[in-house]
Amino acid sequence: MLFAVDVLKSQGTLLMKFYTGAEDKALEGRLKKVFEKVKREKPEASRDESREMYFVCLKKRPGVKREEILKSI
């Protein structure tokens, strides 16, 4: 996620694979500080028992600083 903060231009998009667990809600909260829209998606091809999911993050907010995200970790 910090890579996206450092590299993506304003209005950029990020697709991030993750596995559901204890910390995915915290990660989603940090992503919402960086992007205007964050959605969880589970591909149809993924097995029902799989914990694999994706965050689809749209429209990176302008002026987000790495330090702001690191504070919440």
Protein backbone atom coordinates (compact mmCIF):
# COMPACT_ATOMS: atom_id res chain seq x y z
CA MET A 1 0.00 0.00 0.00
CA LEU A 2 2.83 2.43 0.75
CA PHE A 3 4.13 1.73 -2.75
CA ALA A 4 0.82 3.04 -4.11
CA VAL A 5 1.12 6.18 -1.96
CA ASP A 6 4.63 6.80 -3.26
CA VAL A 7 4.15 5.89 -6.93
CA LEU A 8 0.55 6.33 -8.05
CA LYS A 9 -0.54 9.65 -9.45
CA SER A 10 -3.66 11.40 -8.25
CA GLN A 11 -6.79 9.55 -9.47
CA GLY A 12 -4.73 6.34 -9.88
CA THR A 13 -6.09 2.81 -9.35
CA LEU A 14 -4.80 -0.11 -7.28
CA LEU A 15 -5.79 -3.79 -7.34
CA MET A 16 -4.51 -5.62 -4.25
CA LYS A 17 -4.83 -9.33 -3.46
CA PHE A 18 -5.23 -10.21 0.23
CA TYR A 19 -6.36 -13.04 2.45
CA THR A 20 -9.20 -12.45 4.89
CA GLY A 21 -8.19 -12.50 8.51
CA ALA A 22 -7.83 -10.47 11.67
CA GLU A 23 -6.19 -7.45 10.05
CA ASP A 24 -8.06 -6.98 6.77
CA LYS A 25 -10.49 -4.42 8.27
CA ALA A 26 -7.54 -2.28 9.44
CA LEU A 27 -5.97 -2.50 5.99
CA GLU A 28 -9.26 -1.47 4.40
CA GLY A 29 -9.42 1.55 6.71
CA ARG A 30 -5.94 2.67 5.69
CA LEU A 31 -6.79 2.19 2.01
CA LYS A 32 -9.87 4.41 2.45
CA LYS A 33 -7.57 7.21 3.61
CA VAL A 34 -5.66 6.94 0.32
CA PHE A 35 -8.47 6.21 -2.18
CA GLU A 36 -11.93 7.67 -2.72
CA LYS A 37 -13.52 4.26 -3.31
CA VAL A 38 -12.45 0.86 -1.93
CA LYS A 39 -14.35 -2.33 -2.78
CA ARG A 40 -13.81 -5.96 -1.78
CA GLU A 41 -14.15 -8.50 -4.58
CA LYS A 42 -13.98 -12.29 -4.63
CA PRO A 43 -13.49 -13.73 -8.13
CA GLU A 44 -16.03 -16.32 -9.27
CA ALA A 45 -13.11 -18.61 -10.13
CA SER A 46 -12.00 -18.60 -6.48
CA ARG A 47 -13.17 -21.54 -4.39
CA ASP A 48 -15.78 -20.79 -1.74
CA GLU A 49 -13.50 -22.01 1.06
CA SER A 50 -10.58 -19.87 -0.13
CA ARG A 51 -9.74 -16.79 1.96
CA GLU A 52 -8.41 -15.05 -1.17
CA MET A 53 -10.01 -11.69 -2.01
CA TYR A 54 -9.07 -8.45 -3.71
CA PHE A 55 -9.33 -4.78 -2.83
CA VAL A 56 -10.22 -2.65 -5.85
CA CYS A 57 -9.11 0.89 -4.98
CA LEU A 58 -10.21 3.74 -7.24
CA LYS A 59 -9.23 7.41 -7.50
CA LYS A 60 -6.19 8.01 -5.33
CA ARG A 61 -6.72 11.13 -3.29
CA PRO A 62 -4.35 14.00 -4.09
CA GLY A 63 -1.79 15.03 -1.51
CA VAL A 64 -1.85 11.91 0.67
CA LYS A 65 1.41 11.67 2.62
CA ARG A 66 3.17 8.46 3.57
CA GLU A 67 3.48 9.71 7.17
CA GLU A 68 -0.33 9.98 7.51
CA ILE A 69 -0.70 6.30 6.63
CA LEU A 70 2.20 5.17 8.83
CA LYS A 71 0.62 6.86 11.87
CA SER A 72 -2.32 4.46 11.71
CA ILE A 73 -0.16 1.33 11.68
